Structures are given as C-alpha cells and as structure tokens.
All heavy atoms as atom14 arrays in JSON, in Angstrom:
{
  "sequence": "ERAVGMILEPIYEEEFYDFSFGFRPGRSAHQALD",
  "atom14_mask": [
    [1, 1, 1, 1, 1, 1, 1, 1, 1, 0, 0, 0, 0, 0],
    [1, 1, 1, 1, 1, 1, 1, 1, 1, 1, 1, 0, 0, 0],
    [1, 1, 1, 1, 1, 0, 0, 0, 0, 0, 0, 0, 0, 0],
    [1, 1, 1, 1, 1, 1, 1, 0, 0, 0, 0, 0, 0, 0],
    [1, 1, 1, 1, 0, 0, 0, 0, 0, 0, 0, 0, 0, 0],
    [1, 1, 1, 1, 1, 1, 1, 1, 0, 0, 0, 0, 0, 0],
    [1, 1, 1, 1, 1, 1, 1, 1, 0, 0, 0, 0, 0, 0],
    [1, 1, 1, 1, 1, 1, 1, 1, 0, 0, 0, 0, 0, 0],
    [1, 1, 1, 1, 1, 1, 1, 1, 1, 0, 0, 0, 0, 0],
    [1, 1, 1, 1, 1, 1, 1, 0, 0, 0, 0, 0, 0, 0],
    [1, 1, 1, 1, 1, 1, 1, 1, 0, 0, 0, 0, 0, 0],
    [1, 1, 1, 1, 1, 1, 1, 1, 1, 1, 1, 1, 0, 0],
    [1, 1, 1, 1, 1, 1, 1, 1, 1, 0, 0, 0, 0, 0],
    [1, 1, 1, 1, 1, 1, 1, 1, 1, 0, 0, 0, 0, 0],
    [1, 1, 1, 1, 1, 1, 1, 1, 1, 0, 0, 0, 0, 0],
    [1, 1, 1, 1, 1, 1, 1, 1, 1, 1, 1, 0, 0, 0],
    [1, 1, 1, 1, 1, 1, 1, 1, 1, 1, 1, 1, 0, 0],
    [1, 1, 1, 1, 1, 1, 1, 1, 0, 0, 0, 0, 0, 0],
    [1, 1, 1, 1, 1, 1, 1, 1, 1, 1, 1, 0, 0, 0],
    [1, 1, 1, 1, 1, 1, 0, 0, 0, 0, 0, 0, 0, 0],
    [1, 1, 1, 1, 1, 1, 1, 1, 1, 1, 1, 0, 0, 0],
    [1, 1, 1, 1, 0, 0, 0, 0, 0, 0, 0, 0, 0, 0],
    [1, 1, 1, 1, 1, 1, 1, 1, 1, 1, 1, 0, 0, 0],
    [1, 1, 1, 1, 1, 1, 1, 1, 1, 1, 1, 0, 0, 0],
    [1, 1, 1, 1, 1, 1, 1, 0, 0, 0, 0, 0, 0, 0],
    [1, 1, 1, 1, 0, 0, 0, 0, 0, 0, 0, 0, 0, 0],
    [1, 1, 1, 1, 1, 1, 1, 1, 1, 1, 1, 0, 0, 0],
    [1, 1, 1, 1, 1, 1, 0, 0, 0, 0, 0, 0, 0, 0],
    [1, 1, 1, 1, 1, 0, 0, 0, 0, 0, 0, 0, 0, 0],
    [1, 1, 1, 1, 1, 1, 1, 1, 1, 1, 0, 0, 0, 0],
    [1, 1, 1, 1, 1, 1, 1, 1, 1, 0, 0, 0, 0, 0],
    [1, 1, 1, 1, 1, 0, 0, 0, 0, 0, 0, 0, 0, 0],
    [1, 1, 1, 1, 1, 1, 1, 1, 0, 0, 0, 0, 0, 0],
    [1, 1, 1, 1, 1, 1, 1, 1, 0, 0, 0, 0, 0, 0]
  ],
  "atom14_positions": [
    [[102.65, 85.9, 123.22], [101.88, 86.76, 122.31], [102.53, 86.79, 120.93], [101.83, 86.76, 119.91], [101.78, 88.18, 122.88], [100.81, 88.32, 124.05], [100.56, 89.76, 124.42], [100.83, 90.65, 123.58], [100.11, 90.01, 125.54], [0.0, 0.0, 0.0], [0.0, 0.0, 0.0], [0.0, 0.0, 0.0], [0.0, 0.0, 0.0], [0.0, 0.0, 0.0]],
    [[103.85, 86.87, 120.9], [104.55, 86.87, 119.61], [104.33, 85.56, 118.89], [104.12, 85.53, 117.66], [106.03, 87.11, 119.83], [106.86, 87.11, 118.55], [106.51, 88.27, 117.65], [106.88, 89.54, 118.24], [106.54, 90.72, 117.75], [105.77, 90.77, 116.67], [106.93, 91.85, 118.34], [0.0, 0.0, 0.0], [0.0, 0.0, 0.0], [0.0, 0.0, 0.0]],
    [[104.36, 84.45, 119.62], [104.16, 83.14, 119.0], [102.77, 83.03, 118.38], [102.61, 82.52, 117.26], [104.37, 82.03, 120.04], [0.0, 0.0, 0.0], [0.0, 0.0, 0.0], [0.0, 0.0, 0.0], [0.0, 0.0, 0.0], [0.0, 0.0, 0.0], [0.0, 0.0, 0.0], [0.0, 0.0, 0.0], [0.0, 0.0, 0.0], [0.0, 0.0, 0.0]],
    [[101.75, 83.5, 119.09], [100.38, 83.48, 118.54], [100.25, 84.46, 117.38], [99.6, 84.17, 116.37], [99.36, 83.79, 119.65], [97.96, 83.96, 119.07], [99.37, 82.69, 120.71], [0.0, 0.0, 0.0], [0.0, 0.0, 0.0], [0.0, 0.0, 0.0], [0.0, 0.0, 0.0], [0.0, 0.0, 0.0], [0.0, 0.0, 0.0], [0.0, 0.0, 0.0]],
    [[100.88, 85.63, 117.52], [100.85, 86.61, 116.43], [101.47, 86.08, 115.15], [101.02, 86.41, 114.05], [0.0, 0.0, 0.0], [0.0, 0.0, 0.0], [0.0, 0.0, 0.0], [0.0, 0.0, 0.0], [0.0, 0.0, 0.0], [0.0, 0.0, 0.0], [0.0, 0.0, 0.0], [0.0, 0.0, 0.0], [0.0, 0.0, 0.0], [0.0, 0.0, 0.0]],
    [[102.51, 85.25, 115.29], [103.16, 84.66, 114.11], [102.24, 83.69, 113.39], [102.45, 83.38, 112.22], [104.45, 83.96, 114.54], [105.57, 84.91, 114.92], [106.89, 84.14, 115.9], [107.35, 82.75, 114.88], [0.0, 0.0, 0.0], [0.0, 0.0, 0.0], [0.0, 0.0, 0.0], [0.0, 0.0, 0.0], [0.0, 0.0, 0.0], [0.0, 0.0, 0.0]],
    [[101.21, 83.2, 114.07], [100.2, 82.35, 113.43], [99.09, 83.19, 112.81], [98.67, 82.96, 111.67], [99.6, 81.35, 114.46], [100.66, 80.33, 114.86], [98.37, 80.65, 113.89], [100.19, 79.36, 115.93], [0.0, 0.0, 0.0], [0.0, 0.0, 0.0], [0.0, 0.0, 0.0], [0.0, 0.0, 0.0], [0.0, 0.0, 0.0], [0.0, 0.0, 0.0]],
    [[98.61, 84.18, 113.56], [97.48, 84.98, 113.08], [97.87, 85.92, 111.94], [97.06, 86.17, 111.04], [96.91, 85.8, 114.24], [96.26, 85.02, 115.39], [95.76, 85.99, 116.46], [95.12, 84.16, 114.88], [0.0, 0.0, 0.0], [0.0, 0.0, 0.0], [0.0, 0.0, 0.0], [0.0, 0.0, 0.0], [0.0, 0.0, 0.0], [0.0, 0.0, 0.0]],
    [[99.08, 86.45, 111.99], [99.49, 87.45, 111.0], [99.39, 86.95, 109.56], [98.78, 87.64, 108.71], [100.9, 87.93, 111.3], [101.39, 89.05, 110.4], [102.8, 89.47, 110.76], [103.75, 88.81, 110.28], [102.95, 90.44, 111.53], [0.0, 0.0, 0.0], [0.0, 0.0, 0.0], [0.0, 0.0, 0.0], [0.0, 0.0, 0.0], [0.0, 0.0, 0.0]],
    [[99.94, 85.78, 109.19], [99.81, 85.34, 107.79], [98.38, 85.06, 107.37], [98.05, 85.18, 106.19], [100.67, 84.06, 107.75], [100.83, 83.63, 109.16], [100.77, 84.86, 109.98], [0.0, 0.0, 0.0], [0.0, 0.0, 0.0], [0.0, 0.0, 0.0], [0.0, 0.0, 0.0], [0.0, 0.0, 0.0], [0.0, 0.0, 0.0], [0.0, 0.0, 0.0]],
    [[97.52, 84.71, 108.32], [96.11, 84.49, 107.99], [95.45, 85.8, 107.59], [94.8, 85.9, 106.54], [95.36, 83.86, 109.19], [95.92, 82.49, 109.52], [93.86, 83.78, 108.9], [95.36, 81.89, 110.79], [0.0, 0.0, 0.0], [0.0, 0.0, 0.0], [0.0, 0.0, 0.0], [0.0, 0.0, 0.0], [0.0, 0.0, 0.0], [0.0, 0.0, 0.0]],
    [[95.64, 86.82, 108.41], [94.94, 88.08, 108.17], [95.62, 88.97, 107.15], [94.97, 89.88, 106.6], [94.74, 88.82, 109.49], [93.59, 88.25, 110.28], [93.8, 87.31, 111.28], [92.28, 88.62, 110.0], [92.74, 86.76, 111.98], [91.21, 88.09, 110.69], [91.44, 87.16, 111.68], [90.39, 86.63, 112.37], [0.0, 0.0, 0.0], [0.0, 0.0, 0.0]],
    [[96.89, 88.71, 106.86], [97.52, 89.46, 105.77], [96.86, 89.13, 104.43], [96.9, 89.92, 103.5], [99.02, 89.16, 105.71], [99.85, 89.98, 106.68], [99.73, 91.46, 106.46], [99.93, 91.91, 105.31], [99.41, 92.19, 107.43], [0.0, 0.0, 0.0], [0.0, 0.0, 0.0], [0.0, 0.0, 0.0], [0.0, 0.0, 0.0], [0.0, 0.0, 0.0]],
    [[96.25, 87.94, 104.36], [95.49, 87.59, 103.17], [94.09, 88.21, 103.18], [93.44, 88.29, 102.14], [95.36, 86.05, 103.07], [96.68, 85.32, 102.88], [97.38, 85.75, 101.61], [96.72, 85.79, 100.56], [98.59, 86.04, 101.67], [0.0, 0.0, 0.0], [0.0, 0.0, 0.0], [0.0, 0.0, 0.0], [0.0, 0.0, 0.0], [0.0, 0.0, 0.0]],
    [[93.66, 88.68, 104.35], [92.33, 89.26, 104.49], [92.35, 90.78, 104.38], [91.44, 91.38, 103.79], [91.75, 88.87, 105.86], [91.51, 87.39, 106.06], [90.25, 86.92, 105.37], [89.24, 87.64, 105.41], [90.3, 85.83, 104.77], [0.0, 0.0, 0.0], [0.0, 0.0, 0.0], [0.0, 0.0, 0.0], [0.0, 0.0, 0.0], [0.0, 0.0, 0.0]],
    [[93.36, 91.41, 104.96], [93.4, 92.87, 105.02], [93.43, 93.48, 103.62], [94.03, 92.93, 102.69], [94.63, 93.34, 105.8], [94.58, 93.01, 107.27], [95.75, 92.91, 108.01], [93.38, 92.82, 107.92], [95.73, 92.61, 109.37], [93.33, 92.52, 109.27], [94.51, 92.41, 109.99], [0.0, 0.0, 0.0], [0.0, 0.0, 0.0], [0.0, 0.0, 0.0]],
    [[92.8, 94.65, 103.5], [92.74, 95.34, 102.22], [93.99, 96.19, 102.0], [94.73, 96.51, 102.94], [91.49, 96.23, 102.16], [90.2, 95.45, 102.19], [89.4, 95.44, 103.33], [89.78, 94.71, 101.09], [88.21, 94.72, 103.37], [88.6, 93.99, 101.12], [87.82, 94.0, 102.26], [86.65, 93.27, 102.29], [0.0, 0.0, 0.0], [0.0, 0.0, 0.0]],
    [[94.21, 96.57, 100.74], [95.41, 97.33, 100.38], [95.42, 98.73, 100.98], [96.48, 99.34, 101.08], [95.54, 97.42, 98.86], [95.91, 96.09, 98.23], [96.45, 95.23, 98.96], [95.66, 95.9, 97.02], [0.0, 0.0, 0.0], [0.0, 0.0, 0.0], [0.0, 0.0, 0.0], [0.0, 0.0, 0.0], [0.0, 0.0, 0.0], [0.0, 0.0, 0.0]],
    [[94.26, 99.25, 101.35], [94.23, 100.61, 101.9], [94.46, 100.64, 103.41], [94.38, 101.7, 104.03], [92.91, 101.32, 101.55], [91.66, 100.6, 102.01], [91.29, 100.58, 103.35], [90.85, 99.96, 101.1], [90.14, 99.93, 103.77], [89.69, 99.31, 101.5], [89.34, 99.3, 102.84], [0.0, 0.0, 0.0], [0.0, 0.0, 0.0], [0.0, 0.0, 0.0]],
    [[94.78, 99.5, 104.0], [95.12, 99.44, 105.43], [96.64, 99.34, 105.56], [97.27, 98.45, 104.97], [94.47, 98.22, 106.07], [94.94, 98.03, 107.39], [0.0, 0.0, 0.0], [0.0, 0.0, 0.0], [0.0, 0.0, 0.0], [0.0, 0.0, 0.0], [0.0, 0.0, 0.0], [0.0, 0.0, 0.0], [0.0, 0.0, 0.0], [0.0, 0.0, 0.0]],
    [[97.24, 100.24, 106.35], [98.7, 100.34, 106.41], [99.28, 100.16, 107.81], [100.45, 99.86, 107.95], [99.16, 101.7, 105.86], [99.02, 101.83, 104.38], [97.82, 102.27, 103.82], [100.06, 101.54, 103.53], [97.67, 102.39, 102.44], [99.93, 101.65, 102.16], [98.74, 102.08, 101.61], [0.0, 0.0, 0.0], [0.0, 0.0, 0.0], [0.0, 0.0, 0.0]],
    [[98.52, 100.38, 108.84], [99.08, 100.41, 110.19], [99.43, 99.04, 110.74], [98.64, 98.09, 110.63], [0.0, 0.0, 0.0], [0.0, 0.0, 0.0], [0.0, 0.0, 0.0], [0.0, 0.0, 0.0], [0.0, 0.0, 0.0], [0.0, 0.0, 0.0], [0.0, 0.0, 0.0], [0.0, 0.0, 0.0], [0.0, 0.0, 0.0], [0.0, 0.0, 0.0]],
    [[100.6, 98.93, 111.37], [101.04, 97.71, 112.08], [100.98, 96.47, 111.18], [100.54, 95.4, 111.59], [100.18, 97.48, 113.33], [100.17, 98.65, 114.27], [98.99, 99.29, 114.59], [101.35, 99.12, 114.83], [98.98, 100.37, 115.46], [101.35, 100.19, 115.69], [100.16, 100.83, 116.01], [0.0, 0.0, 0.0], [0.0, 0.0, 0.0], [0.0, 0.0, 0.0]],
    [[101.45, 96.64, 109.94], [101.5, 95.52, 109.02], [102.91, 95.37, 108.48], [103.59, 96.38, 108.24], [100.51, 95.71, 107.86], [99.05, 95.7, 108.28], [98.14, 95.85, 107.08], [98.33, 94.76, 106.12], [97.76, 94.72, 104.92], [96.95, 95.71, 104.54], [97.97, 93.72, 104.1], [0.0, 0.0, 0.0], [0.0, 0.0, 0.0], [0.0, 0.0, 0.0]],
    [[103.38, 94.14, 108.3], [104.76, 93.95, 107.82], [104.96, 94.53, 106.43], [104.13, 94.34, 105.53], [104.92, 92.42, 107.82], [103.53, 91.88, 107.78], [102.69, 92.86, 108.53], [0.0, 0.0, 0.0], [0.0, 0.0, 0.0], [0.0, 0.0, 0.0], [0.0, 0.0, 0.0], [0.0, 0.0, 0.0], [0.0, 0.0, 0.0], [0.0, 0.0, 0.0]],
    [[106.06, 95.25, 106.25], [106.37, 95.81, 104.95], [105.59, 97.05, 104.59], [105.67, 97.51, 103.44], [0.0, 0.0, 0.0], [0.0, 0.0, 0.0], [0.0, 0.0, 0.0], [0.0, 0.0, 0.0], [0.0, 0.0, 0.0], [0.0, 0.0, 0.0], [0.0, 0.0, 0.0], [0.0, 0.0, 0.0], [0.0, 0.0, 0.0], [0.0, 0.0, 0.0]],
    [[104.86, 97.62, 105.55], [104.08, 98.83, 105.28], [104.43, 99.9, 106.3], [104.76, 99.6, 107.44], [102.58, 98.53, 105.31], [102.16, 97.62, 104.17], [100.66, 97.45, 104.08], [100.31, 96.88, 102.8], [99.33, 97.33, 102.02], [98.61, 98.35, 102.4], [99.08, 96.74, 100.87], [0.0, 0.0, 0.0], [0.0, 0.0, 0.0], [0.0, 0.0, 0.0]],
    [[104.34, 101.15, 105.88], [104.77, 102.25, 106.74], [103.83, 103.44, 106.59], [102.99, 103.49, 105.68], [106.2, 102.69, 106.38], [106.23, 103.27, 105.08], [0.0, 0.0, 0.0], [0.0, 0.0, 0.0], [0.0, 0.0, 0.0], [0.0, 0.0, 0.0], [0.0, 0.0, 0.0], [0.0, 0.0, 0.0], [0.0, 0.0, 0.0], [0.0, 0.0, 0.0]],
    [[104.01, 104.41, 107.48], [103.22, 105.64, 107.42], [103.53, 106.42, 106.14], [102.64, 107.05, 105.56], [103.49, 106.5, 108.65], [0.0, 0.0, 0.0], [0.0, 0.0, 0.0], [0.0, 0.0, 0.0], [0.0, 0.0, 0.0], [0.0, 0.0, 0.0], [0.0, 0.0, 0.0], [0.0, 0.0, 0.0], [0.0, 0.0, 0.0], [0.0, 0.0, 0.0]],
    [[104.78, 106.39, 105.68], [105.13, 107.11, 104.47], [104.47, 106.49, 103.23], [104.07, 107.22, 102.32], [106.66, 107.14, 104.31], [107.36, 107.88, 105.4], [108.4, 107.36, 106.1], [107.13, 109.1, 105.94], [108.81, 108.23, 107.01], [108.05, 109.29, 106.93], [0.0, 0.0, 0.0], [0.0, 0.0, 0.0], [0.0, 0.0, 0.0], [0.0, 0.0, 0.0]],
    [[104.34, 105.17, 103.23], [103.62, 104.53, 102.14], [102.14, 104.92, 102.17], [101.52, 105.09, 101.12], [103.77, 103.01, 102.23], [105.17, 102.51, 101.93], [105.31, 101.02, 102.14], [104.63, 100.43, 102.98], [106.19, 100.39, 101.39], [0.0, 0.0, 0.0], [0.0, 0.0, 0.0], [0.0, 0.0, 0.0], [0.0, 0.0, 0.0], [0.0, 0.0, 0.0]],
    [[101.6, 105.06, 103.37], [100.21, 105.5, 103.5], [100.03, 106.91, 102.94], [99.03, 107.2, 102.26], [99.77, 105.45, 104.97], [0.0, 0.0, 0.0], [0.0, 0.0, 0.0], [0.0, 0.0, 0.0], [0.0, 0.0, 0.0], [0.0, 0.0, 0.0], [0.0, 0.0, 0.0], [0.0, 0.0, 0.0], [0.0, 0.0, 0.0], [0.0, 0.0, 0.0]],
    [[100.98, 107.79, 103.21], [100.91, 109.16, 102.67], [100.97, 109.15, 101.15], [100.24, 109.89, 100.49], [102.04, 110.0, 103.24], [101.9, 110.46, 104.69], [103.19, 111.13, 105.16], [100.73, 111.42, 104.86], [0.0, 0.0, 0.0], [0.0, 0.0, 0.0], [0.0, 0.0, 0.0], [0.0, 0.0, 0.0], [0.0, 0.0, 0.0], [0.0, 0.0, 0.0]],
    [[101.87, 108.33, 100.59], [101.96, 108.25, 99.13], [100.64, 107.75, 98.54], [100.17, 108.28, 97.51], [103.1, 107.3, 98.73], [104.47, 107.9, 98.97], [104.56, 109.14, 99.06], [105.45, 107.13, 99.09], [0.0, 0.0, 0.0], [0.0, 0.0, 0.0], [0.0, 0.0, 0.0], [0.0, 0.0, 0.0], [0.0, 0.0, 0.0], [0.0, 0.0, 0.0]]
  ]
}
C-alpha cells in the first residue's frame, strides 16, 4: 500500500486544492486553523 501510495501521492498533490489539509505531506491541523 505504501509503494502504491508513493506513486499516487505526487499525482494528486498536483490536483488537490489549497483549502484541503487532511492527510497531506507538509500540512497539519494547525495550518488548517490558521
């Protein structure tokens, strides 16, 4: 699962919008609050 996730993650990091914060690299709940 981690191996497949390492492929899918860079694809969808280019798709996800800036207002989405959950379960994304480099993003946290505190950033969402800010």
